[in-house]
Each structure stands twice: as C-alpha cells, then as structure tokens.
Amino acid sequence: MISEDREAVKEQLKAVRRKFDPSAPELKIFVGELHGHTNLSDGSVDIDYYFQNIRDRAKLDFAALTDHDHGGVGTPTLWHGGADSKWELIKSKVREYNEEGKF
C-alpha cells in the first residue's frame, strides 16, 4: 500500500509541475535564401530553375531573387522594356512561385 501511495503522490506532483511548464513557442523558424542571382545578371540558371531548386530540392521556406542591374551608370537595363522588362519578369515569377504559408 505504501508504494501505491508514493506512486499516487508522484503523479500528483507531476501534474502540479506541468501547470508551470512553459507553453509551446509561438514563433517558428524559417530557413531560406536571401541573395540569389539568375542568368538575368551574373548567375547561370534561369528564374524557374532558381525557384524550383530552392523550393523542391533544397526544401527551403523562402527565397529572394537579387539579380544585379548591369546596365551601368545611366543605363538601368533591369527596367528597360516596360512591361517586358527584366524587373516585370522577376515580379511575375515571384508571384507565380509564391505559395502563401508554404513558400
């Protein structure tokens, strides 16, 4: 009987102690790439390969595309072409690969 009482006391103490345990963290860790280049500047892959590789093979949570504007002073090639510019292509591809809550 004594051992049973000890076990009951142990369980009661554990239950009381659990009340003071910290709650699960509200924050989540995300892993991603913040600096990537494609063949629009000095990288070697196209935008689709860049995002697909990071999302599907590396399994990262996010990625930023940071191609350089190699036009030089006074010739910003990133924006040349209006609706067909590299900048519009980048924005379009980012929207295409964006998956809210996933990637």
PDB file of N, CA and C in Angstrom:
ATOM      1  N   MET A   1       0.810  -1.196   0.000  1.00  0.00           N
ATOM      2  CA  MET A   1       0.000   0.000   0.000  1.00  0.00           C
ATOM      3  C   MET A   1       0.851   1.257   0.000  1.00  0.00           C
ATOM      4  N   ILE A   2       1.917   1.216   0.728  1.00  0.00           N
ATOM      5  CA  ILE A   2       2.764   2.405   0.825  1.00  0.00           C
ATOM      6  C   ILE A   2       3.316   2.767  -0.552  1.00  0.00           C
ATOM      7  N   SER A   3       3.789   1.777  -1.318  1.00  0.00           N
ATOM      8  CA  SER A   3       4.342   2.072  -2.639  1.00  0.00           C
ATOM      9  C   SER A   3       3.280   2.651  -3.565  1.00  0.00           C
ATOM     10  N   GLU A   4       2.041   2.174  -3.452  1.00  0.00           N
ATOM     11  CA  GLU A   4       0.965   2.732  -4.267  1.00  0.00           C
ATOM     12  C   GLU A   4       0.713   4.183  -3.903  1.00  0.00           C
ATOM     13  N   ASP A   5       0.756   4.507  -2.636  1.00  0.00           N
ATOM     14  CA  ASP A   5       0.562   5.886  -2.195  1.00  0.00           C
ATOM     15  C   ASP A   5       1.693   6.763  -2.725  1.00  0.00           C
ATOM     16  N   ARG A   6       2.897   6.251  -2.708  1.00  0.00           N
ATOM     17  CA  ARG A   6       4.042   7.008  -3.236  1.00  0.00           C
ATOM     18  C   ARG A   6       3.855   7.289  -4.724  1.00  0.00           C
ATOM     19  N   GLU A   7       3.405   6.308  -5.469  1.00  0.00           N
ATOM     20  CA  GLU A   7       3.179   6.492  -6.907  1.00  0.00           C
ATOM     21  C   GLU A   7       2.085   7.526  -7.153  1.00  0.00           C
ATOM     22  N   ALA A   8       1.045   7.491  -6.337  1.00  0.00           N
ATOM     23  CA  ALA A   8      -0.037   8.471  -6.492  1.00  0.00           C
ATOM     24  C   ALA A   8       0.468   9.874  -6.192  1.00  0.00           C
ATOM     25  N   VAL A   9       1.287   9.999  -5.171  1.00  0.00           N
ATOM     26  CA  VAL A   9       1.858  11.305  -4.815  1.00  0.00           C
ATOM     27  C   VAL A   9       2.772  11.801  -5.931  1.00  0.00           C
ATOM     28  N   LYS A  10       3.582  10.893  -6.482  1.00  0.00           N
ATOM     29  CA  LYS A  10       4.461  11.272  -7.595  1.00  0.00           C
ATOM     30  C   LYS A  10       3.656  11.807  -8.774  1.00  0.00           C
ATOM     31  N   GLU A  11       2.568  11.135  -9.095  1.00  0.00           N
ATOM     32  CA  GLU A  11       1.727  11.568 -10.222  1.00  0.00           C
ATOM     33  C   GLU A  11       1.078  12.912  -9.933  1.00  0.00           C
ATOM     34  N   GLN A  12       0.661  13.113  -8.698  1.00  0.00           N
ATOM     35  CA  GLN A  12       0.072  14.396  -8.333  1.00  0.00           C
ATOM     36  C   GLN A  12       1.107  15.517  -8.437  1.00  0.00           C
ATOM     37  N   LEU A  13       2.315  15.245  -7.989  1.00  0.00           N
ATOM     38  CA  LEU A  13       3.383  16.246  -8.082  1.00  0.00           C
ATOM     39  C   LEU A  13       3.711  16.567  -9.541  1.00  0.00           C
ATOM     40  N   LYS A  14       3.744  15.542 -10.377  1.00  0.00           N
ATOM     41  CA  LYS A  14       3.998  15.762 -11.808  1.00  0.00           C
ATOM     42  C   LYS A  14       2.911  16.632 -12.422  1.00  0.00           C
ATOM     43  N   ALA A  15       1.663  16.371 -12.054  1.00  0.00           N
ATOM     44  CA  ALA A  15       0.542  17.149 -12.593  1.00  0.00           C
ATOM     45  C   ALA A  15       0.650  18.616 -12.178  1.00  0.00           C
ATOM     46  N   VAL A  16       1.015  18.855 -10.933  1.00  0.00           N
ATOM     47  CA  VAL A  16       1.181  20.235 -10.457  1.00  0.00           C
ATOM     48  C   VAL A  16       2.344  20.897 -11.176  1.00  0.00           C
ATOM     49  N   ARG A  17       3.439  20.170 -11.326  1.00  0.00           N
ATOM     50  CA  ARG A  17       4.620  20.735 -12.004  1.00  0.00           C
ATOM     51  C   ARG A  17       4.315  21.092 -13.455  1.00  0.00           C
ATOM     52  N   ARG A  18       3.526  20.263 -14.149  1.00  0.00           N
ATOM     53  CA  ARG A  18       3.173  20.530 -15.551  1.00  0.00           C
ATOM     54  C   ARG A  18       2.413  21.842 -15.706  1.00  0.00           C
ATOM     55  N   LYS A  19       1.694  22.247 -14.685  1.00  0.00           N
ATOM     56  CA  LYS A  19       0.960  23.515 -14.745  1.00  0.00           C
ATOM     57  C   LYS A  19       1.920  24.702 -14.911  1.00  0.00           C
ATOM     58  N   PHE A  20       3.163  24.527 -14.466  1.00  0.00           N
ATOM     59  CA  PHE A  20       4.144  25.617 -14.527  1.00  0.00           C
ATOM     60  C   PHE A  20       5.104  25.496 -15.707  1.00  0.00           C
ATOM     61  N   ASP A  21       4.947  24.444 -16.507  1.00  0.00           N
ATOM     62  CA  ASP A  21       5.783  24.293 -17.697  1.00  0.00           C
ATOM     63  C   ASP A  21       5.461  25.406 -18.695  1.00  0.00           C
ATOM     64  N   PRO A  22       6.469  25.885 -19.397  1.00  0.00           N
ATOM     65  CA  PRO A  22       6.198  26.928 -20.389  1.00  0.00           C
ATOM     66  C   PRO A  22       5.349  26.380 -21.535  1.00  0.00           C
ATOM     67  N   SER A  23       4.570  27.252 -22.123  1.00  0.00           N
ATOM     68  CA  SER A  23       3.743  26.831 -23.259  1.00  0.00           C
ATOM     69  C   SER A  23       4.631  26.654 -24.487  1.00  0.00           C
ATOM     70  N   ALA A  24       4.080  26.033 -25.489  1.00  0.00           N
ATOM     71  CA  ALA A  24       4.822  25.837 -26.746  1.00  0.00           C
ATOM     72  C   ALA A  24       5.169  27.202 -27.339  1.00  0.00           C
ATOM     73  N   PRO A  25       6.318  27.309 -27.966  1.00  0.00           N
ATOM     74  CA  PRO A  25       6.703  28.612 -28.531  1.00  0.00           C
ATOM     75  C   PRO A  25       5.740  29.067 -29.620  1.00  0.00           C
ATOM     76  N   GLU A  26       5.508  30.379 -29.678  1.00  0.00           N
ATOM     77  CA  GLU A  26       4.616  30.940 -30.683  1.00  0.00           C
ATOM     78  C   GLU A  26       5.356  31.207 -31.992  1.00  0.00           C
ATOM     79  N   LEU A  27       6.670  31.227 -31.932  1.00  0.00           N
ATOM     80  CA  LEU A  27       7.465  31.536 -33.110  1.00  0.00           C
ATOM     81  C   LEU A  27       7.905  30.258 -33.806  1.00  0.00           C
ATOM     82  N   LYS A  28       8.110  30.356 -35.107  1.00  0.00           N
ATOM     83  CA  LYS A  28       8.570  29.224 -35.897  1.00  0.00           C
ATOM     84  C   LYS A  28       9.824  29.648 -36.650  1.00  0.00           C
ATOM     85  N   ILE A  29      10.763  28.756 -36.785  1.00  0.00           N
ATOM     86  CA  ILE A  29      11.995  29.047 -37.512  1.00  0.00           C
ATOM     87  C   ILE A  29      11.791  28.743 -38.989  1.00  0.00           C
ATOM     88  N   PHE A  30      12.168  29.707 -39.830  1.00  0.00           N
ATOM     89  CA  PHE A  30      12.113  29.539 -41.275  1.00  0.00           C
ATOM     90  C   PHE A  30      13.537  29.600 -41.815  1.00  0.00           C
ATOM     91  N   VAL A  31      13.808  28.818 -42.842  1.00  0.00           N
ATOM     92  CA  VAL A  31      15.127  28.779 -43.459  1.00  0.00           C
ATOM     93  C   VAL A  31      14.973  29.154 -44.926  1.00  0.00           C
ATOM     94  N   GLY A  32      15.818  30.068 -45.381  1.00  0.00           N
ATOM     95  CA  GLY A  32      15.689  30.485 -46.766  1.00  0.00           C
ATOM     96  C   GLY A  32      16.956  31.085 -47.332  1.00  0.00           C
ATOM     97  N   GLU A  33      16.841  31.548 -48.554  1.00  0.00           N
ATOM     98  CA  GLU A  33      17.949  32.163 -49.292  1.00  0.00           C
ATOM     99  C   GLU A  33      17.602  33.623 -49.532  1.00  0.00           C
ATOM    100  N   LEU A  34      18.445  34.538 -49.068  1.00  0.00           N
ATOM    101  CA  LEU A  34      18.168  35.965 -49.202  1.00  0.00           C
ATOM    102  C   LEU A  34      18.969  36.643 -50.308  1.00  0.00           C
ATOM    103  N   HIS A  35      19.814  35.910 -51.003  1.00  0.00           N
ATOM    104  CA  HIS A  35      20.650  36.555 -52.018  1.00  0.00           C
ATOM    105  C   HIS A  35      20.930  35.559 -53.141  1.00  0.00           C
ATOM    106  N   GLY A  36      20.135  35.630 -54.210  1.00  0.00           N
ATOM    107  CA  GLY A  36      20.321  34.706 -55.319  1.00  0.00           C
ATOM    108  C   GLY A  36      20.319  35.409 -56.661  1.00  0.00           C
ATOM    109  N   HIS A  37      21.147  34.922 -57.576  1.00  0.00           N
ATOM    110  CA  HIS A  37      21.253  35.509 -58.916  1.00  0.00           C
ATOM    111  C   HIS A  37      20.859  34.487 -59.971  1.00  0.00           C
ATOM    112  N   THR A  38      20.300  34.983 -61.066  1.00  0.00           N
ATOM    113  CA  THR A  38      19.951  34.133 -62.201  1.00  0.00           C
ATOM    114  C   THR A  38      20.715  34.620 -63.424  1.00  0.00           C
ATOM    115  N   ASN A  39      20.396  34.023 -64.564  1.00  0.00           N
ATOM    116  CA  ASN A  39      21.058  34.434 -65.797  1.00  0.00           C
ATOM    117  C   ASN A  39      20.591  35.808 -66.295  1.00  0.00           C
ATOM    118  N   LEU A  40      19.712  36.457 -65.534  1.00  0.00           N
ATOM    119  CA  LEU A  40      19.358  37.838 -65.859  1.00  0.00           C
ATOM    120  C   LEU A  40      20.494  38.795 -65.509  1.00  0.00           C
ATOM    121  N   SER A  41      21.421  38.334 -64.675  1.00  0.00           N
ATOM    122  CA  SER A  41      22.596  39.146 -64.366  1.00  0.00           C
ATOM    123  C   SER A  41      23.825  38.250 -64.425  1.00  0.00           C
ATOM    124  N   ASP A  42      24.414  37.917 -63.292  1.00  0.00           N
ATOM    125  CA  ASP A  42      25.652  37.144 -63.326  1.00  0.00           C
ATOM    126  C   ASP A  42      25.493  35.715 -62.811  1.00  0.00           C
ATOM    127  N   GLY A  43      24.273  35.216 -62.750  1.00  0.00           N
ATOM    128  CA  GLY A  43      24.036  33.821 -62.371  1.00  0.00           C
ATOM    129  C   GLY A  43      24.030  32.936 -63.600  1.00  0.00           C
ATOM    130  N   SER A  44      23.905  31.636 -63.379  1.00  0.00           N
ATOM    131  CA  SER A  44      23.972  30.711 -64.515  1.00  0.00           C
ATOM    132  C   SER A  44      22.664  29.970 -64.782  1.00  0.00           C
ATOM    133  N   VAL A  45      21.646  30.154 -63.936  1.00  0.00           N
ATOM    134  CA  VAL A  45      20.380  29.441 -64.131  1.00  0.00           C
ATOM    135  C   VAL A  45      19.260  30.446 -64.372  1.00  0.00           C
ATOM    136  N   ASP A  46      18.160  29.967 -64.972  1.00  0.00           N
ATOM    137  CA  ASP A  46      17.028  30.873 -65.176  1.00  0.00           C
ATOM    138  C   ASP A  46      16.175  30.945 -63.905  1.00  0.00           C
ATOM    139  N   ILE A  47      15.228  31.849 -63.902  1.00  0.00           N
ATOM    140  CA  ILE A  47      14.413  32.091 -62.707  1.00  0.00           C
ATOM    141  C   ILE A  47      13.641  30.842 -62.290  1.00  0.00           C
ATOM    142  N   ASP A  48      13.079  30.131 -63.248  1.00  0.00           N
ATOM    143  CA  ASP A  48      12.309  28.929 -62.910  1.00  0.00           C
ATOM    144  C   ASP A  48      13.189  27.897 -62.204  1.00  0.00           C
ATOM    145  N   TYR A  49      14.362  27.639 -62.754  1.00  0.00           N
ATOM    146  CA  TYR A  49      15.264  26.672 -62.127  1.00  0.00           C
ATOM    147  C   TYR A  49      15.640  27.142 -60.728  1.00  0.00           C
ATOM    148  N   TYR A  50      15.921  28.440 -60.577  1.00  0.00           N
ATOM    149  CA  TYR A  50      16.308  29.005 -59.279  1.00  0.00           C
ATOM    150  C   TYR A  50      15.242  28.705 -58.226  1.00  0.00           C
ATOM    151  N   PHE A  51      14.004  29.097 -58.496  1.00  0.00           N
ATOM    152  CA  PHE A  51      12.945  28.898 -57.509  1.00  0.00           C
ATOM    153  C   PHE A  51      12.589  27.424 -57.322  1.00  0.00           C
ATOM    154  N   GLN A  52      12.535  26.660 -58.403  1.00  0.00           N
ATOM    155  CA  GLN A  52      12.200  25.241 -58.281  1.00  0.00           C
ATOM    156  C   GLN A  52      13.261  24.497 -57.477  1.00  0.00           C
ATOM    157  N   ASN A  53      14.515  24.794 -57.704  1.00  0.00           N
ATOM    158  CA  ASN A  53      15.595  24.137 -56.982  1.00  0.00           C
ATOM    159  C   ASN A  53      15.535  24.456 -55.487  1.00  0.00           C
ATOM    160  N   ILE A  54      15.320  25.709 -55.165  1.00  0.00           N
ATOM    161  CA  ILE A  54      15.269  26.102 -53.754  1.00  0.00           C
ATOM    162  C   ILE A  54      14.032  25.525 -53.070  1.00  0.00           C
ATOM    163  N   ARG A  55      12.914  25.574 -53.741  1.00  0.00           N
ATOM    164  CA  ARG A  55      11.661  25.092 -53.147  1.00  0.00           C
ATOM    165  C   ARG A  55      11.590  23.564 -53.107  1.00  0.00           C
ATOM    166  N   ASP A  56      11.889  22.899 -54.231  1.00  0.00           N
ATOM    167  CA  ASP A  56      11.627  21.468 -54.366  1.00  0.00           C
ATOM    168  C   ASP A  56      12.806  20.579 -53.980  1.00  0.00           C
ATOM    169  N   ARG A  57      14.022  21.034 -54.218  1.00  0.00           N
ATOM    170  CA  ARG A  57      15.183  20.192 -53.889  1.00  0.00           C
ATOM    171  C   ARG A  57      15.784  20.570 -52.543  1.00  0.00           C
ATOM    172  N   ALA A  58      16.010  21.862 -52.327  1.00  0.00           N
ATOM    173  CA  ALA A  58      16.602  22.298 -51.057  1.00  0.00           C
ATOM    174  C   ALA A  58      15.566  22.360 -49.940  1.00  0.00           C
ATOM    175  N   LYS A  59      14.281  22.412 -50.321  1.00  0.00           N
ATOM    176  CA  LYS A  59      13.172  22.438 -49.358  1.00  0.00           C
ATOM    177  C   LYS A  59      13.231  23.649 -48.418  1.00  0.00           C
ATOM    178  N   LEU A  60      13.669  24.791 -48.946  1.00  0.00           N
ATOM    179  CA  LEU A  60      13.715  25.995 -48.131  1.00  0.00           C
ATOM    180  C   LEU A  60      12.325  26.617 -48.045  1.00  0.00           C
ATOM    181  N   ASP A  61      12.139  27.481 -47.059  1.00  0.00           N
ATOM    182  CA  ASP A  61      10.845  28.101 -46.825  1.00  0.00           C
ATOM    183  C   ASP A  61      10.623  29.354 -47.674  1.00  0.00           C
ATOM    184  N   PHE A  62      11.698  30.027 -48.056  1.00  0.00           N
ATOM    185  CA  PHE A  62      11.569  31.249 -48.836  1.00  0.00           C
ATOM    186  C   PHE A  62      12.852  31.502 -49.607  1.00  0.00           C
ATOM    187  N   ALA A  63      12.750  32.383 -50.596  1.00  0.00           N
ATOM    188  CA  ALA A  63      13.922  32.773 -51.377  1.00  0.00           C
ATOM    189  C   ALA A  63      13.704  34.181 -51.923  1.00  0.00           C
ATOM    190  N   ALA A  64      14.786  34.918 -52.010  1.00  0.00           N
ATOM    191  CA  ALA A  64      14.752  36.252 -52.611  1.00  0.00           C
ATOM    192  C   ALA A  64      15.657  36.239 -53.837  1.00  0.00           C
ATOM    193  N   LEU A  65      15.192  36.853 -54.871  1.00  0.00           N
ATOM    194  CA  LEU A  65      15.973  36.963 -56.104  1.00  0.00           C
ATOM    195  C   LEU A  65      16.594  38.351 -56.134  1.00  0.00           C
ATOM    196  N   THR A  66      17.923  38.419 -56.240  1.00  0.00           N
ATOM    197  CA  THR A  66      18.632  39.695 -56.119  1.00  0.00           C
ATOM    198  C   THR A  66      19.566  39.919 -57.299  1.00  0.00           C
ATOM    199  N   ASP A  67      19.034  39.753 -58.488  1.00  0.00           N
ATOM    200  CA  ASP A  67      19.855  39.975 -59.676  1.00  0.00           C
ATOM    201  C   ASP A  67      20.381  41.411 -59.728  1.00  0.00           C
ATOM    202  N   HIS A  68      21.577  41.553 -60.276  1.00  0.00           N
ATOM    203  CA  HIS A  68      22.197  42.868 -60.443  1.00  0.00           C
ATOM    204  C   HIS A  68      21.651  43.560 -61.681  1.00  0.00           C
ATOM    205  N   ASP A  69      21.688  44.866 -61.652  1.00  0.00           N
ATOM    206  CA  ASP A  69      21.332  45.674 -62.819  1.00  0.00           C
ATOM    207  C   ASP A  69      22.644  46.087 -63.469  1.00  0.00           C
ATOM    208  N   HIS A  70      23.085  45.336 -64.479  1.00  0.00           N
ATOM    209  CA  HIS A  70      24.393  45.546 -65.085  1.00  0.00           C
ATOM    210  C   HIS A  70      24.412  46.591 -66.199  1.00  0.00           C
ATOM    211  N   GLY A  71      23.440  47.474 -66.196  1.00  0.00           N
ATOM    212  CA  GLY A  71      23.407  48.481 -67.243  1.00  0.00           C
ATOM    213  C   GLY A  71      24.475  49.548 -67.086  1.00  0.00           C
ATOM    214  N   GLY A  72      24.975  49.726 -65.890  1.00  0.00           N
ATOM    215  CA  GLY A  72      25.959  50.776 -65.656  1.00  0.00           C
ATOM    216  C   GLY A  72      25.271  52.091 -65.352  1.00  0.00           C
ATOM    217  N   VAL A  73      26.047  53.092 -65.041  1.00  0.00           N
ATOM    218  CA  VAL A  73      25.512  54.407 -64.678  1.00  0.00           C
ATOM    219  C   VAL A  73      24.713  54.984 -65.839  1.00  0.00           C
ATOM    220  N   GLY A  74      23.498  55.349 -65.567  1.00  0.00           N
ATOM    221  CA  GLY A  74      22.654  55.978 -66.570  1.00  0.00           C
ATOM    222  C   GLY A  74      21.980  55.013 -67.529  1.00  0.00           C
ATOM    223  N   THR A  75      22.259  53.727 -67.445  1.00  0.00           N
ATOM    224  CA  THR A  75      21.619  52.748 -68.333  1.00  0.00           C
ATOM    225  C   THR A  75      21.093  51.557 -67.531  1.00  0.00           C
ATOM    226  N   PRO A  76      20.025  51.753 -66.797  1.00  0.00           N
ATOM    227  CA  PRO A  76      19.476  50.685 -65.949  1.00  0.00           C
ATOM    228  C   PRO A  76      18.736  49.628 -66.763  1.00  0.00           C
ATOM    229  N   THR A  77      19.428  48.600 -67.192  1.00  0.00           N
ATOM    230  CA  THR A  77      18.821  47.583 -68.060  1.00  0.00           C
ATOM    231  C   THR A  77      17.726  46.776 -67.367  1.00  0.00           C
ATOM    232  N   LEU A  78      17.734  46.749 -66.070  1.00  0.00           N
ATOM    233  CA  LEU A  78      16.728  45.970 -65.349  1.00  0.00           C
ATOM    234  C   LEU A  78      15.316  46.478 -65.657  1.00  0.00           C
ATOM    235  N   TRP A  79      15.188  47.779 -65.888  1.00  0.00           N
ATOM    236  CA  TRP A  79      13.869  48.369 -66.117  1.00  0.00           C
ATOM    237  C   TRP A  79      13.562  48.637 -67.583  1.00  0.00           C
ATOM    238  N   HIS A  80      14.513  48.511 -68.464  1.00  0.00           N
ATOM    239  CA  HIS A  80      14.260  48.752 -69.887  1.00  0.00           C
ATOM    240  C   HIS A  80      13.245  47.761 -70.431  1.00  0.00           C
ATOM    241  N   GLY A  81      12.368  48.224 -71.268  1.00  0.00           N
ATOM    242  CA  GLY A  81      11.410  47.331 -71.907  1.00  0.00           C
ATOM    243  C   GLY A  81      10.008  47.427 -71.364  1.00  0.00           C
ATOM    244  N   GLY A  82       9.782  48.309 -70.378  1.00  0.00           N
ATOM    245  CA  GLY A  82       8.427  48.486 -69.845  1.00  0.00           C
ATOM    246  C   GLY A  82       7.841  47.190 -69.322  1.00  0.00           C
ATOM    247  N   ALA A  83       6.704  46.796 -69.890  1.00  0.00           N
ATOM    248  CA  ALA A  83       6.011  45.585 -69.430  1.00  0.00           C
ATOM    249  C   ALA A  83       6.818  44.323 -69.710  1.00  0.00           C
ATOM    250  N   ASP A  84       7.775  44.404 -70.644  1.00  0.00           N
ATOM    251  CA  ASP A  84       8.622  43.246 -70.975  1.00  0.00           C
ATOM    252  C   ASP A  84       9.997  43.324 -70.316  1.00  0.00           C
ATOM    253  N   SER A  85      10.152  44.182 -69.322  1.00  0.00           N
ATOM    254  CA  SER A  85      11.462  44.370 -68.693  1.00  0.00           C
ATOM    255  C   SER A  85      11.828  43.182 -67.796  1.00  0.00           C
ATOM    256  N   LYS A  86      13.092  43.101 -67.468  1.00  0.00           N
ATOM    257  CA  LYS A  86      13.556  42.057 -66.538  1.00  0.00           C
ATOM    258  C   LYS A  86      12.853  42.205 -65.188  1.00  0.00           C
ATOM    259  N   TRP A  87      12.655  43.442 -64.757  1.00  0.00           N
ATOM    260  CA  TRP A  87      12.005  43.699 -63.476  1.00  0.00           C
ATOM    261  C   TRP A  87      10.585  43.138 -63.464  1.00  0.00           C
ATOM    262  N   GLU A  88       9.830  43.353 -64.537  1.00  0.00           N
ATOM    263  CA  GLU A  88       8.470  42.826 -64.611  1.00  0.00           C
ATOM    264  C   GLU A  88       8.481  41.291 -64.652  1.00  0.00           C
ATOM    265  N   LEU A  89       9.465  40.710 -65.338  1.00  0.00           N
ATOM    266  CA  LEU A  89       9.601  39.250 -65.370  1.00  0.00           C
ATOM    267  C   LEU A  89       9.869  38.715 -63.966  1.00  0.00           C
ATOM    268  N   ILE A  90      10.783  39.349 -63.240  1.00  0.00           N
ATOM    269  CA  ILE A  90      11.099  38.922 -61.870  1.00  0.00           C
ATOM    270  C   ILE A  90       9.848  38.995 -61.001  1.00  0.00           C
ATOM    271  N   LYS A  91       9.128  40.099 -61.038  1.00  0.00           N
ATOM    272  CA  LYS A  91       7.923  40.241 -60.214  1.00  0.00           C
ATOM    273  C   LYS A  91       6.882  39.185 -60.576  1.00  0.00           C
ATOM    274  N   SER A  92       6.743  38.918 -61.860  1.00  0.00           N
ATOM    275  CA  SER A  92       5.790  37.909 -62.317  1.00  0.00           C
ATOM    276  C   SER A  92       6.154  36.519 -61.794  1.00  0.00           C
ATOM    277  N   LYS A  93       7.429  36.188 -61.870  1.00  0.00           N
ATOM    278  CA  LYS A  93       7.878  34.867 -61.403  1.00  0.00           C
ATOM    279  C   LYS A  93       7.753  34.736 -59.888  1.00  0.00           C
ATOM    280  N   VAL A  94       8.012  35.805 -59.160  1.00  0.00           N
ATOM    281  CA  VAL A  94       7.845  35.764 -57.705  1.00  0.00           C
ATOM    282  C   VAL A  94       6.386  35.481 -57.366  1.00  0.00           C
ATOM    283  N   ARG A  95       5.473  36.159 -58.046  1.00  0.00           N
ATOM    284  CA  ARG A  95       4.041  35.893 -57.807  1.00  0.00           C
ATOM    285  C   ARG A  95       3.690  34.449 -58.173  1.00  0.00           C
ATOM    286  N   GLU A  96       4.266  33.949 -59.248  1.00  0.00           N
ATOM    287  CA  GLU A  96       3.986  32.584 -59.701  1.00  0.00           C
ATOM    288  C   GLU A  96       4.424  31.543 -58.675  1.00  0.00           C
ATOM    289  N   TYR A  97       5.591  31.746 -58.073  1.00  0.00           N
ATOM    290  CA  TYR A  97       6.127  30.749 -57.138  1.00  0.00           C
ATOM    291  C   TYR A  97       5.690  30.969 -55.692  1.00  0.00           C
ATOM    292  N   ASN A  98       5.087  32.103 -55.407  1.00  0.00           N
ATOM    293  CA  ASN A  98       4.625  32.367 -54.056  1.00  0.00           C
ATOM    294  C   ASN A  98       3.472  31.430 -53.699  1.00  0.00           C
ATOM    295  N   GLU A  99       3.589  30.742 -52.583  1.00  0.00           N
ATOM    296  CA  GLU A  99       2.523  29.884 -52.056  1.00  0.00           C
ATOM    297  C   GLU A  99       2.324  30.297 -50.601  1.00  0.00           C
ATOM    298  N   GLU A 100       1.306  31.085 -50.368  1.00  0.00           N
ATOM    299  CA  GLU A 100       1.058  31.628 -49.039  1.00  0.00           C
ATOM    300  C   GLU A 100       1.088  30.540 -47.979  1.00  0.00           C
ATOM    301  N   GLY A 101       1.909  30.752 -46.952  1.00  0.00           N
ATOM    302  CA  GLY A 101       2.020  29.794 -45.865  1.00  0.00           C
ATOM    303  C   GLY A 101       2.896  28.592 -46.163  1.00  0.00           C
ATOM    304  N   LYS A 102       3.402  28.490 -47.393  1.00  0.00           N
ATOM    305  CA  LYS A 102       4.224  27.329 -47.767  1.00  0.00           C
ATOM    306  C   LYS A 102       5.580  27.742 -48.319  1.00  0.00           C
ATOM    307  N   PHE A 103       5.596  28.637 -49.315  1.00  0.00           N
ATOM    308  CA  PHE A 103       6.855  29.086 -49.914  1.00  0.00           C
ATOM    309  C   PHE A 103       6.676  30.499 -50.408  1.00  0.00           C
TER     310      PHE A 103
END
